Amino acid sequence: MTTPLRFGVIGVGTIGRAHLKRLRSAQSPGELVALADVSAEAAAAAAQEFGTTAETLESLLARADVDAVIVAIPSGLHADTTIAALDAGKHVLLEKPIDVTVDAADRIIAAEERSGKTLSVVSQRRFAAENQFLRDAIAAGHLGKVTAANIEIALWRTQEYYDSGAWRGTWTLDGGGALMNQGVHLVDLILWLLGDVEEVYAHGGLLAHERIEVEDTITITARFASGALLTFLATTTAYDNLPLRVAIMGDGGSAVTLSEKFTHYESRTGAAPEEFGAVDQQLGQLNDFVTAVQAGTRPLVTSVEARAAVAFIEAAYTSMRTGEPVKPR
């Protein structure tokens, strides 16, 4: 019987607490050992609630009974904490994005390589059964030659959401607005489905919120290395939220999902989607991470792939500022 992987959680905000609850669930493949937060008061309260031990970051990373950590702190702080964890010999499941710049992502990748530890970045959309079916269908040629794709992320965030933390809506710590914060999951998904992007061109602006530095709306056009074209919308100004929409078009078939449920699928090969049951995507990624650590295999989401998503976003922001098309680096 495999020994459960022993976890520490770094960051006890909204996302960190979700990870704490998952580790405490009956379905968890890991064991919660300790937690840490920059606020000693918040860490102590969370430790009491979840029945674990509060540590400083340094003392948590020094614990021999912590095999892996989940890093759930503001995006712009990911690199230093993740590098410290890897250098301390811990495996790392890192919340999205990998960090807010390609340079920071490269520092993390270098630390991962020298440590020999497993690192995966949260991109749970890949774990939806519908998205896995779609990837397999594209790879098998069931849509023919893919010619175009459309992504729509039309969400609503109140002004109170942005006002709830000093780091929200800042370039330094949030890394961006609707694209970096809300859109990164779908950036990762479309790159996973269709491959590398050669060029992006973007328009964006702050259209419905105040007192933040970043965009709340952005539109992007992009060209994949395959020649396929992409249109991409990310916004937090769509009151009451609209369903996430993914459309893939090819000369042999087409597919549309709304909130990761197929609303359209046609293929010349007749390969129709199955009926898919509900999947806990976050638990799926946690299971994948634990398996990768214990079996020494590659996690479904790698640091290099997470870097590609940030490179796409970084290029889009550069294009938004300069008015010129940009090649992701």
C-alpha atoms as a PDB file:
ATOM      1  CA  MET A   1       0.000   0.000   0.000  1.00  0.00           C
ATOM      2  CA  THR A   2       1.369   3.417  -1.010  1.00  0.00           C
ATOM      3  CA  THR A   3       1.990   5.846   1.838  1.00  0.00           C
ATOM      4  CA  PRO A   4      -0.144   9.014   1.455  1.00  0.00           C
ATOM      5  CA  LEU A   5       1.756  12.062   0.303  1.00  0.00           C
ATOM      6  CA  ARG A   6       2.171  14.502   3.194  1.00  0.00           C
ATOM      7  CA  PHE A   7       1.263  18.103   2.352  1.00  0.00           C
ATOM      8  CA  GLY A   8       1.832  21.583   3.643  1.00  0.00           C
ATOM      9  CA  VAL A   9      -0.344  24.411   2.329  1.00  0.00           C
ATOM     10  CA  ILE A  10       1.173  27.868   1.882  1.00  0.00           C
ATOM     11  CA  GLY A  11      -1.466  30.611   1.856  1.00  0.00           C
ATOM     12  CA  VAL A  12      -4.831  30.384   3.627  1.00  0.00           C
ATOM     13  CA  GLY A  13      -6.895  32.806   1.566  1.00  0.00           C
ATOM     14  CA  THR A  14      -9.913  31.752  -0.480  1.00  0.00           C
ATOM     15  CA  ILE A  15      -7.987  29.418  -2.782  1.00  0.00           C
ATOM     16  CA  GLY A  16      -5.742  28.065  -0.048  1.00  0.00           C
ATOM     17  CA  ARG A  17      -8.768  27.215   2.069  1.00  0.00           C
ATOM     18  CA  ALA A  18     -10.256  25.297  -0.854  1.00  0.00           C
ATOM     19  CA  HIS A  19      -7.099  23.197  -0.966  1.00  0.00           C
ATOM     20  CA  LEU A  20      -7.245  22.671   2.799  1.00  0.00           C
ATOM     21  CA  LYS A  21     -10.824  21.408   2.534  1.00  0.00           C
ATOM     22  CA  ARG A  22      -9.866  19.068  -0.314  1.00  0.00           C
ATOM     23  CA  LEU A  23      -6.952  17.605   1.637  1.00  0.00           C
ATOM     24  CA  ARG A  24      -9.275  17.023   4.597  1.00  0.00           C
ATOM     25  CA  SER A  25     -11.909  15.281   2.441  1.00  0.00           C
ATOM     26  CA  ALA A  26     -12.408  11.525   2.447  1.00  0.00           C
ATOM     27  CA  GLN A  27     -11.412  11.421  -1.252  1.00  0.00           C
ATOM     28  CA  SER A  28      -8.043  13.098  -0.745  1.00  0.00           C
ATOM     29  CA  PRO A  29      -5.015  11.113  -1.917  1.00  0.00           C
ATOM     30  CA  GLY A  30      -2.826  13.202   0.399  1.00  0.00           C
ATOM     31  CA  GLU A  31      -2.504  13.994   4.081  1.00  0.00           C
ATOM     32  CA  LEU A  32      -2.527  17.518   5.506  1.00  0.00           C
ATOM     33  CA  VAL A  33       0.404  18.029   7.882  1.00  0.00           C
ATOM     34  CA  ALA A  34       0.808  21.785   8.316  1.00  0.00           C
ATOM     35  CA  LEU A  35       0.057  25.199   6.844  1.00  0.00           C
ATOM     36  CA  ALA A  36       1.657  28.622   6.689  1.00  0.00           C
ATOM     37  CA  ASP A  37       0.602  32.151   5.870  1.00  0.00           C
ATOM     38  CA  VAL A  38       2.213  35.569   5.935  1.00  0.00           C
ATOM     39  CA  SER A  39      -0.370  36.430   8.594  1.00  0.00           C
ATOM     40  CA  ALA A  40       0.340  34.456  11.749  1.00  0.00           C
ATOM     41  CA  GLU A  41      -3.192  35.228  12.962  1.00  0.00           C
ATOM     42  CA  ALA A  42      -4.791  33.856   9.789  1.00  0.00           C
ATOM     43  CA  ALA A  43      -2.557  30.790   9.894  1.00  0.00           C
ATOM     44  CA  ALA A  44      -3.473  30.067  13.528  1.00  0.00           C
ATOM     45  CA  ALA A  45      -7.203  30.413  12.802  1.00  0.00           C
ATOM     46  CA  ALA A  46      -6.984  28.129   9.770  1.00  0.00           C
ATOM     47  CA  ALA A  47      -4.919  25.578  11.664  1.00  0.00           C
ATOM     48  CA  GLN A  48      -7.553  25.421  14.388  1.00  0.00           C
ATOM     49  CA  GLU A  49     -10.364  25.093  11.858  1.00  0.00           C
ATOM     50  CA  PHE A  50      -8.694  22.322   9.857  1.00  0.00           C
ATOM     51  CA  GLY A  51      -7.066  20.508  12.743  1.00  0.00           C
ATOM     52  CA  THR A  52      -3.454  20.985  11.745  1.00  0.00           C
ATOM     53  CA  THR A  53      -0.332  22.940  12.719  1.00  0.00           C
ATOM     54  CA  ALA A  54       0.460  26.545  11.834  1.00  0.00           C
ATOM     55  CA  GLU A  55       4.049  27.247  10.822  1.00  0.00           C
ATOM     56  CA  THR A  56       6.108  30.041   9.355  1.00  0.00           C
ATOM     57  CA  LEU A  57       7.149  29.460   5.757  1.00  0.00           C
ATOM     58  CA  GLU A  58      10.682  28.667   6.863  1.00  0.00           C
ATOM     59  CA  SER A  59       9.642  26.205   9.571  1.00  0.00           C
ATOM     60  CA  LEU A  60       7.152  24.485   7.275  1.00  0.00           C
ATOM     61  CA  LEU A  61       9.809  23.953   4.581  1.00  0.00           C
ATOM     62  CA  ALA A  62      12.202  22.623   7.219  1.00  0.00           C
ATOM     63  CA  ARG A  63       9.804  19.878   8.322  1.00  0.00           C
ATOM     64  CA  ALA A  64      10.958  16.406   7.323  1.00  0.00           C
ATOM     65  CA  ASP A  65       7.363  15.126   7.433  1.00  0.00           C
ATOM     66  CA  VAL A  66       6.237  17.477   4.624  1.00  0.00           C
ATOM     67  CA  ASP A  67       6.764  15.822   1.247  1.00  0.00           C
ATOM     68  CA  ALA A  68       4.980  18.399  -0.904  1.00  0.00           C
ATOM     69  CA  VAL A  69       3.485  21.855  -0.669  1.00  0.00           C
ATOM     70  CA  ILE A  70       0.568  23.583  -2.324  1.00  0.00           C
ATOM     71  CA  VAL A  71       1.397  27.232  -3.013  1.00  0.00           C
ATOM     72  CA  ALA A  72      -1.710  29.446  -2.965  1.00  0.00           C
ATOM     73  CA  ILE A  73      -0.480  33.010  -2.533  1.00  0.00           C
ATOM     74  CA  PRO A  74      -0.779  36.120  -4.757  1.00  0.00           C
ATOM     75  CA  SER A  75       0.419  35.347  -8.272  1.00  0.00           C
ATOM     76  CA  GLY A  76       3.306  37.809  -8.325  1.00  0.00           C
ATOM     77  CA  LEU A  77       4.851  36.138  -5.274  1.00  0.00           C
ATOM     78  CA  HIS A  78       4.885  32.606  -6.700  1.00  0.00           C
ATOM     79  CA  ALA A  79       8.478  32.439  -7.875  1.00  0.00           C
ATOM     80  CA  ASP A  80      10.366  33.113  -4.648  1.00  0.00           C
ATOM     81  CA  THR A  81       8.188  30.818  -2.525  1.00  0.00           C
ATOM     82  CA  THR A  82       8.131  28.015  -5.097  1.00  0.00           C
ATOM     83  CA  ILE A  83      11.897  28.173  -5.583  1.00  0.00           C
ATOM     84  CA  ALA A  84      12.421  28.060  -1.813  1.00  0.00           C
ATOM     85  CA  ALA A  85      10.173  24.993  -1.591  1.00  0.00           C
ATOM     86  CA  LEU A  86      11.935  23.184  -4.435  1.00  0.00           C
ATOM     87  CA  ASP A  87      15.349  24.019  -2.993  1.00  0.00           C
ATOM     88  CA  ALA A  88      14.134  22.613   0.337  1.00  0.00           C
ATOM     89  CA  GLY A  89      13.402  19.303  -1.397  1.00  0.00           C
ATOM     90  CA  LYS A  90       9.620  19.611  -1.596  1.00  0.00           C
ATOM     91  CA  HIS A  91       7.398  18.703  -4.522  1.00  0.00           C
ATOM     92  CA  VAL A  92       5.139  21.619  -5.480  1.00  0.00           C
ATOM     93  CA  LEU A  93       1.575  21.967  -6.704  1.00  0.00           C
ATOM     94  CA  LEU A  94       1.442  25.642  -7.632  1.00  0.00           C
ATOM     95  CA  GLU A  95      -1.725  27.665  -8.089  1.00  0.00           C
ATOM     96  CA  LYS A  96      -2.221  29.380 -11.447  1.00  0.00           C
ATOM     97  CA  PRO A  97      -0.529  31.150 -13.081  1.00  0.00           C
ATOM     98  CA  ILE A  98       3.018  29.833 -12.694  1.00  0.00           C
ATOM     99  CA  ASP A  99       3.909  33.501 -12.022  1.00  0.00           C
ATOM    100  CA  VAL A 100       3.065  36.754 -13.798  1.00  0.00           C
ATOM    101  CA  THR A 101       6.090  36.999 -16.118  1.00  0.00           C
ATOM    102  CA  VAL A 102       8.013  34.642 -18.360  1.00  0.00           C
ATOM    103  CA  ASP A 103      11.240  35.610 -16.572  1.00  0.00           C
ATOM    104  CA  ALA A 104       9.796  34.489 -13.232  1.00  0.00           C
ATOM    105  CA  ALA A 105       8.521  31.269 -14.842  1.00  0.00           C
ATOM    106  CA  ASP A 106      12.026  30.571 -16.138  1.00  0.00           C
ATOM    107  CA  ARG A 107      13.451  30.967 -12.634  1.00  0.00           C
ATOM    108  CA  ILE A 108      10.942  28.417 -11.345  1.00  0.00           C
ATOM    109  CA  ILE A 109      11.733  25.971 -14.156  1.00  0.00           C
ATOM    110  CA  ALA A 110      15.457  26.256 -13.425  1.00  0.00           C
ATOM    111  CA  ALA A 111      14.810  25.476  -9.743  1.00  0.00           C
ATOM    112  CA  GLU A 112      12.614  22.534 -10.684  1.00  0.00           C
ATOM    113  CA  GLU A 113      15.352  21.104 -12.917  1.00  0.00           C
ATOM    114  CA  ARG A 114      18.105  21.398 -10.324  1.00  0.00           C
ATOM    115  CA  SER A 115      15.913  20.003  -7.530  1.00  0.00           C
ATOM    116  CA  GLY A 116      14.701  16.922  -9.380  1.00  0.00           C
ATOM    117  CA  LYS A 117      11.323  17.386  -7.702  1.00  0.00           C
ATOM    118  CA  THR A 118       7.868  17.286  -9.291  1.00  0.00           C
ATOM    119  CA  LEU A 119       6.165  20.589 -10.068  1.00  0.00           C
ATOM    120  CA  SER A 120       2.701  21.023 -11.536  1.00  0.00           C
ATOM    121  CA  VAL A 121       0.618  24.173 -11.994  1.00  0.00           C
ATOM    122  CA  VAL A 122      -3.123  24.219 -11.370  1.00  0.00           C
ATOM    123  CA  SER A 123      -4.943  24.112 -14.717  1.00  0.00           C
ATOM    124  CA  GLN A 124      -7.956  22.050 -13.801  1.00  0.00           C
ATOM    125  CA  ARG A 125      -9.905  22.631 -17.029  1.00  0.00           C
ATOM    126  CA  ARG A 126      -7.795  19.910 -18.623  1.00  0.00           C
ATOM    127  CA  PHE A 127      -9.359  17.419 -16.231  1.00  0.00           C
ATOM    128  CA  ALA A 128     -12.936  17.917 -17.444  1.00  0.00           C
ATOM    129  CA  ALA A 129     -13.974  14.751 -19.289  1.00  0.00           C
ATOM    130  CA  GLU A 130     -15.420  16.842 -22.132  1.00  0.00           C
ATOM    131  CA  ASN A 131     -12.106  18.632 -22.678  1.00  0.00           C
ATOM    132  CA  GLN A 132     -10.176  15.377 -22.639  1.00  0.00           C
ATOM    133  CA  PHE A 133     -12.598  13.944 -25.220  1.00  0.00           C
ATOM    134  CA  LEU A 134     -12.150  17.054 -27.356  1.00  0.00           C
ATOM    135  CA  ARG A 135      -8.351  16.826 -27.212  1.00  0.00           C
ATOM    136  CA  ASP A 136      -8.472  13.174 -28.244  1.00  0.00           C
ATOM    137  CA  ALA A 137     -10.907  13.974 -31.080  1.00  0.00           C
ATOM    138  CA  ILE A 138      -8.645  16.715 -32.436  1.00  0.00           C
ATOM    139  CA  ALA A 139      -5.549  14.515 -32.160  1.00  0.00           C
ATOM    140  CA  ALA A 140      -7.339  11.666 -33.964  1.00  0.00           C
ATOM    141  CA  GLY A 141      -8.363  13.961 -36.820  1.00  0.00           C
ATOM    142  CA  HIS A 142     -12.102  13.740 -36.144  1.00  0.00           C
ATOM    143  CA  LEU A 143     -12.452  17.483 -36.797  1.00  0.00           C
ATOM    144  CA  GLY A 144     -10.226  17.347 -39.851  1.00  0.00           C
ATOM    145  CA  LYS A 145      -7.786  20.214 -40.204  1.00  0.00           C
ATOM    146  CA  VAL A 146      -8.566  22.706 -37.441  1.00  0.00           C
ATOM    147  CA  THR A 147      -8.974  26.137 -39.009  1.00  0.00           C
ATOM    148  CA  ALA A 148     -10.303  28.367 -36.231  1.00  0.00           C
ATOM    149  CA  ALA A 149     -11.216  28.549 -32.565  1.00  0.00           C
ATOM    150  CA  ASN A 150     -13.179  30.935 -30.380  1.00  0.00           C
ATOM    151  CA  ILE A 151     -12.963  31.381 -26.620  1.00  0.00           C
ATOM    152  CA  GLU A 152     -15.361  33.559 -24.607  1.00  0.00           C
ATOM    153  CA  ILE A 153     -14.852  34.182 -20.900  1.00  0.00           C
ATOM    154  CA  ALA A 154     -17.580  36.665 -20.030  1.00  0.00           C
ATOM    155  CA  LEU A 155     -17.695  36.918 -16.246  1.00  0.00           C
ATOM    156  CA  TRP A 156     -18.820  39.406 -13.616  1.00  0.00           C
ATOM    157  CA  ARG A 157     -16.701  40.707 -10.769  1.00  0.00           C
ATOM    158  CA  THR A 158     -18.001  43.419  -8.496  1.00  0.00           C
ATOM    159  CA  GLN A 159     -16.027  46.475  -7.485  1.00  0.00           C
ATOM    160  CA  GLU A 160     -16.016  44.978  -3.978  1.00  0.00           C
ATOM    161  CA  TYR A 161     -14.129  41.973  -5.360  1.00  0.00           C
ATOM    162  CA  TYR A 162     -11.299  44.213  -6.524  1.00  0.00           C
ATOM    163  CA  ASP A 163     -11.409  46.277  -3.344  1.00  0.00           C
ATOM    164  CA  SER A 164     -11.220  43.169  -1.125  1.00  0.00           C
ATOM    165  CA  GLY A 165      -7.431  42.917  -1.273  1.00  0.00           C
ATOM    166  CA  ALA A 166      -4.719  45.477  -1.923  1.00  0.00           C
ATOM    167  CA  TRP A 167      -2.993  43.054  -4.322  1.00  0.00           C
ATOM    168  CA  ARG A 168      -6.056  42.574  -6.533  1.00  0.00           C
ATOM    169  CA  GLY A 169      -5.993  44.430  -9.810  1.00  0.00           C
ATOM    170  CA  THR A 170      -2.276  45.267  -9.603  1.00  0.00           C
ATOM    171  CA  TRP A 171       0.310  44.474 -12.254  1.00  0.00           C
ATOM    172  CA  THR A 172       2.914  43.478  -9.682  1.00  0.00           C
ATOM    173  CA  LEU A 173       0.930  40.937  -7.657  1.00  0.00           C
ATOM    174  CA  ASP A 174      -2.121  40.048  -9.781  1.00  0.00           C
ATOM    175  CA  GLY A 175      -0.151  40.188 -13.019  1.00  0.00           C
ATOM    176  CA  GLY A 176      -3.104  41.490 -14.975  1.00  0.00           C
ATOM    177  CA  GLY A 177      -6.871  41.515 -14.958  1.00  0.00           C
ATOM    178  CA  ALA A 178      -9.481  39.497 -16.813  1.00  0.00           C
ATOM    179  CA  LEU A 179      -6.902  37.699 -18.949  1.00  0.00           C
ATOM    180  CA  MET A 180      -4.251  36.783 -16.376  1.00  0.00           C
ATOM    181  CA  ASN A 181      -6.573  36.166 -13.452  1.00  0.00           C
ATOM    182  CA  GLN A 182      -9.751  34.736 -14.952  1.00  0.00           C
ATOM    183  CA  GLY A 183      -8.595  33.816 -18.462  1.00  0.00           C
ATOM    184  CA  VAL A 184      -5.397  31.883 -17.817  1.00  0.00           C
ATOM    185  CA  HIS A 185      -7.239  28.555 -17.462  1.00  0.00           C
ATOM    186  CA  LEU A 186      -8.729  28.870 -20.934  1.00  0.00           C
ATOM    187  CA  VAL A 187      -5.439  30.102 -22.385  1.00  0.00           C
ATOM    188  CA  ASP A 188      -3.864  26.920 -21.045  1.00  0.00           C
ATOM    189  CA  LEU A 189      -6.752  24.842 -22.405  1.00  0.00           C
ATOM    190  CA  ILE A 190      -6.619  26.185 -25.956  1.00  0.00           C
ATOM    191  CA  LEU A 191      -2.817  25.803 -26.119  1.00  0.00           C
ATOM    192  CA  TRP A 192      -3.216  22.224 -24.853  1.00  0.00           C
ATOM    193  CA  LEU A 193      -5.835  21.563 -27.535  1.00  0.00           C
ATOM    194  CA  LEU A 194      -4.238  23.323 -30.505  1.00  0.00           C
ATOM    195  CA  GLY A 195      -0.526  23.806 -29.820  1.00  0.00           C
ATOM    196  CA  ASP A 196       1.860  26.737 -30.014  1.00  0.00           C
ATOM    197  CA  VAL A 197       0.845  30.274 -30.954  1.00  0.00           C
ATOM    198  CA  GLU A 198       3.046  32.283 -33.311  1.00  0.00           C
ATOM    199  CA  GLU A 199       1.508  35.764 -32.971  1.00  0.00           C
ATOM    200  CA  VAL A 200      -1.076  37.632 -30.901  1.00  0.00           C
ATOM    201  CA  TYR A 201      -2.780  40.987 -31.327  1.00  0.00           C
ATOM    202  CA  ALA A 202      -4.900  42.520 -28.575  1.00  0.00           C
ATOM    203  CA  HIS A 203      -7.117  45.420 -27.543  1.00  0.00           C
ATOM    204  CA  GLY A 204      -8.054  45.947 -23.914  1.00  0.00           C
ATOM    205  CA  GLY A 205      -9.156  48.459 -21.358  1.00  0.00           C
ATOM    206  CA  LEU A 206     -10.638  49.234 -17.961  1.00  0.00           C
ATOM    207  CA  LEU A 207     -14.290  49.695 -18.862  1.00  0.00           C
ATOM    208  CA  ALA A 208     -16.489  49.072 -15.809  1.00  0.00           C
ATOM    209  CA  HIS A 209     -14.348  49.159 -12.660  1.00  0.00           C
ATOM    210  CA  GLU A 210     -12.351  51.707 -10.683  1.00  0.00           C
ATOM    211  CA  ARG A 211      -9.173  51.910  -8.596  1.00  0.00           C
ATOM    212  CA  ILE A 212      -7.353  49.059 -10.344  1.00  0.00           C
ATOM    213  CA  GLU A 213      -4.339  49.172 -12.663  1.00  0.00           C
ATOM    214  CA  VAL A 214      -5.274  46.317 -14.988  1.00  0.00           C
ATOM    215  CA  GLU A 215      -7.776  45.557 -17.733  1.00  0.00           C
ATOM    216  CA  ASP A 216     -11.273  44.264 -17.068  1.00  0.00           C
ATOM    217  CA  THR A 217     -11.868  43.539 -20.771  1.00  0.00           C
ATOM    218  CA  ILE A 218      -9.559  42.267 -23.508  1.00  0.00           C
ATOM    219  CA  THR A 219     -10.032  40.871 -27.000  1.00  0.00           C
ATOM    220  CA  ILE A 220      -7.302  38.924 -28.783  1.00  0.00           C
ATOM    221  CA  THR A 221      -6.721  37.485 -32.201  1.00  0.00           C
ATOM    222  CA  ALA A 222      -3.936  34.963 -32.623  1.00  0.00           C
ATOM    223  CA  ARG A 223      -2.368  32.623 -35.165  1.00  0.00           C
ATOM    224  CA  PHE A 224      -1.277  29.126 -34.220  1.00  0.00           C
ATOM    225  CA  ALA A 225       1.823  27.484 -35.651  1.00  0.00           C
ATOM    226  CA  SER A 226      -0.563  25.162 -37.503  1.00  0.00           C
ATOM    227  CA  GLY A 227      -2.079  28.159 -39.302  1.00  0.00           C
ATOM    228  CA  ALA A 228      -5.365  27.990 -37.359  1.00  0.00           C
ATOM    229  CA  LEU A 229      -6.762  31.320 -36.140  1.00  0.00           C
ATOM    230  CA  LEU A 230      -8.077  32.199 -32.689  1.00  0.00           C
ATOM    231  CA  THR A 231     -10.400  34.854 -31.302  1.00  0.00           C
ATOM    232  CA  PHE A 232     -10.385  35.212 -27.521  1.00  0.00           C
ATOM    233  CA  LEU A 233     -12.471  37.402 -25.201  1.00  0.00           C
ATOM    234  CA  ALA A 234     -11.912  37.758 -21.475  1.00  0.00           C
ATOM    235  CA  THR A 235     -13.937  40.185 -19.395  1.00  0.00           C
ATOM    236  CA  THR A 236     -15.161  40.697 -15.838  1.00  0.00           C
ATOM    237  CA  THR A 237     -17.843  43.187 -16.958  1.00  0.00           C
ATOM    238  CA  ALA A 238     -20.557  40.694 -18.041  1.00  0.00           C
ATOM    239  CA  TYR A 239     -23.200  41.171 -15.358  1.00  0.00           C
ATOM    240  CA  ASP A 240     -24.350  37.898 -13.781  1.00  0.00           C
ATOM    241  CA  ASN A 241     -21.806  35.874 -15.812  1.00  0.00           C
ATOM    242  CA  LEU A 242     -22.235  34.065 -19.116  1.00  0.00           C
ATOM    243  CA  PRO A 243     -21.269  30.424 -19.728  1.00  0.00           C
ATOM    244  CA  LEU A 244     -17.653  29.794 -20.675  1.00  0.00           C
ATOM    245  CA  ARG A 245     -17.692  29.111 -24.409  1.00  0.00           C
ATOM    246  CA  VAL A 246     -15.170  27.081 -26.402  1.00  0.00           C
ATOM    247  CA  ALA A 247     -15.683  26.530 -30.131  1.00  0.00           C
ATOM    248  CA  ILE A 248     -13.327  24.548 -32.372  1.00  0.00           C
ATOM    249  CA  MET A 249     -13.867  24.530 -36.142  1.00  0.00           C
ATOM    250  CA  GLY A 250     -12.262  22.272 -38.718  1.00  0.00           C
ATOM    251  CA  ASP A 251     -12.810  21.135 -42.273  1.00  0.00           C
ATOM    252  CA  GLY A 252     -14.004  17.749 -41.031  1.00  0.00           C
ATOM    253  CA  GLY A 253     -15.984  18.691 -37.955  1.00  0.00           C
ATOM    254  CA  SER A 254     -16.791  21.282 -35.318  1.00  0.00           C
ATOM    255  CA  ALA A 255     -17.476  21.364 -31.596  1.00  0.00           C
ATOM    256  CA  VAL A 256     -18.901  23.847 -29.103  1.00  0.00           C
ATOM    257  CA  THR A 257     -18.995  23.598 -25.324  1.00  0.00           C
ATOM    258  CA  LEU A 258     -20.740  25.896 -22.875  1.00  0.00           C
ATOM    259  CA  SER A 259     -19.408  25.626 -19.344  1.00  0.00           C
ATOM    260  CA  GLU A 260     -17.655  22.454 -20.506  1.00  0.00           C
ATOM    261  CA  LYS A 261     -20.803  20.705 -21.739  1.00  0.00           C
ATOM    262  CA  PHE A 262     -21.176  19.920 -25.420  1.00  0.00           C
ATOM    263  CA  THR A 263     -23.912  21.914 -27.130  1.00  0.00           C
ATOM    264  CA  HIS A 264     -22.721  21.036 -30.637  1.00  0.00           C
ATOM    265  CA  TYR A 265     -20.550  18.289 -32.086  1.00  0.00           C
ATOM    266  CA  GLU A 266     -20.404  17.193 -35.714  1.00  0.00           C
ATOM    267  CA  SER A 267     -17.735  15.102 -37.400  1.00  0.00           C
ATOM    268  CA  ARG A 268     -17.399  13.439 -40.803  1.00  0.00           C
ATOM    269  CA  THR A 269     -16.121  10.367 -38.986  1.00  0.00           C
ATOM    270  CA  GLY A 270     -19.299  10.145 -36.930  1.00  0.00           C
ATOM    271  CA  ALA A 271     -17.400  10.092 -33.646  1.00  0.00           C
ATOM    272  CA  ALA A 272     -20.009  11.601 -31.333  1.00  0.00           C
ATOM    273  CA  PRO A 273     -19.301  12.671 -27.749  1.00  0.00           C
ATOM    274  CA  GLU A 274     -20.298  10.361 -24.963  1.00  0.00           C
ATOM    275  CA  GLU A 275     -22.449  11.221 -21.998  1.00  0.00           C
ATOM    276  CA  PHE A 276     -20.081  12.573 -19.385  1.00  0.00           C
ATOM    277  CA  GLY A 277     -20.615  12.421 -15.669  1.00  0.00           C
ATOM    278  CA  ALA A 278     -19.680  15.176 -13.247  1.00  0.00           C
ATOM    279  CA  VAL A 279     -15.941  15.411 -12.522  1.00  0.00           C
ATOM    280  CA  ASP A 280     -14.247  17.166  -9.612  1.00  0.00           C
ATOM    281  CA  GLN A 281     -11.554  18.813 -11.711  1.00  0.00           C
ATOM    282  CA  GLN A 282      -9.506  20.070  -8.770  1.00  0.00           C
ATOM    283  CA  LEU A 283      -9.512  16.647  -7.136  1.00  0.00           C
ATOM    284  CA  GLY A 284      -8.564  15.164 -10.494  1.00  0.00           C
ATOM    285  CA  GLN A 285      -5.510  17.387 -10.650  1.00  0.00           C
ATOM    286  CA  LEU A 286      -4.571  16.619  -7.052  1.00  0.00           C
ATOM    287  CA  ASN A 287      -4.758  12.890  -7.842  1.00  0.00           C
ATOM    288  CA  ASP A 288      -2.658  13.429 -10.972  1.00  0.00           C
ATOM    289  CA  PHE A 289      -0.023  15.328  -8.977  1.00  0.00           C
ATOM    290  CA  VAL A 290       0.186  12.683  -6.262  1.00  0.00           C
ATOM    291  CA  THR A 291       0.479   9.924  -8.859  1.00  0.00           C
ATOM    292  CA  ALA A 292       3.250  11.805 -10.667  1.00  0.00           C
ATOM    293  CA  VAL A 293       5.204  12.215  -7.425  1.00  0.00           C
ATOM    294  CA  GLN A 294       4.774   8.634  -6.255  1.00  0.00           C
ATOM    295  CA  ALA A 295       5.309   6.977  -9.641  1.00  0.00           C
ATOM    296  CA  GLY A 296       7.963   9.369 -10.905  1.00  0.00           C
ATOM    297  CA  THR A 297       5.869  10.182 -13.971  1.00  0.00           C
ATOM    298  CA  ARG A 298       5.103  13.431 -15.795  1.00  0.00           C
ATOM    299  CA  PRO A 299       2.110  15.374 -14.437  1.00  0.00           C
ATOM    300  CA  LEU A 300      -0.568  16.324 -16.959  1.00  0.00           C
ATOM    301  CA  VAL A 301       0.274  20.031 -16.481  1.00  0.00           C
ATOM    302  CA  THR A 302       3.991  20.801 -16.614  1.00  0.00           C
ATOM    303  CA  SER A 303       5.900  23.952 -15.755  1.00  0.00           C
ATOM    304  CA  VAL A 304       6.917  24.423 -19.399  1.00  0.00           C
ATOM    305  CA  GLU A 305       3.263  24.332 -20.478  1.00  0.00           C
ATOM    306  CA  ALA A 306       2.334  26.767 -17.703  1.00  0.00           C
ATOM    307  CA  ARG A 307       5.098  29.068 -18.953  1.00  0.00           C
ATOM    308  CA  ALA A 308       3.566  28.986 -22.437  1.00  0.00           C
ATOM    309  CA  ALA A 309       0.264  30.275 -21.075  1.00  0.00           C
ATOM    310  CA  VAL A 310       2.032  33.184 -19.375  1.00  0.00           C
ATOM    311  CA  ALA A 311       4.034  33.884 -22.547  1.00  0.00           C
ATOM    312  CA  PHE A 312       0.758  34.147 -24.486  1.00  0.00           C
ATOM    313  CA  ILE A 313      -0.689  36.522 -21.882  1.00  0.00           C
ATOM    314  CA  GLU A 314       2.493  38.590 -21.652  1.00  0.00           C
ATOM    315  CA  ALA A 315       2.476  38.970 -25.456  1.00  0.00           C
ATOM    316  CA  ALA A 316      -1.188  39.996 -25.403  1.00  0.00           C
ATOM    317  CA  TYR A 317      -0.495  42.698 -22.819  1.00  0.00           C
ATOM    318  CA  THR A 318       2.466  43.978 -24.802  1.00  0.00           C
ATOM    319  CA  SER A 319       0.271  44.142 -27.894  1.00  0.00           C
ATOM    320  CA  MET A 320      -2.483  45.883 -25.913  1.00  0.00           C
ATOM    321  CA  ARG A 321      -0.021  48.605 -24.874  1.00  0.00           C
ATOM    322  CA  THR A 322       1.810  49.034 -28.185  1.00  0.00           C
ATOM    323  CA  GLY A 323      -0.916  48.407 -30.733  1.00  0.00           C
ATOM    324  CA  GLU A 324       1.385  45.958 -32.549  1.00  0.00           C
ATOM    325  CA  PRO A 325       1.243  42.179 -33.086  1.00  0.00           C
ATOM    326  CA  VAL A 326       3.612  40.293 -30.760  1.00  0.00           C
ATOM    327  CA  LYS A 327       5.255  36.869 -30.913  1.00  0.00           C
ATOM    328  CA  PRO A 328       5.176  35.070 -27.540  1.00  0.00           C
ATOM    329  CA  ARG A 329       8.644  34.384 -26.179  1.00  0.00           C
END
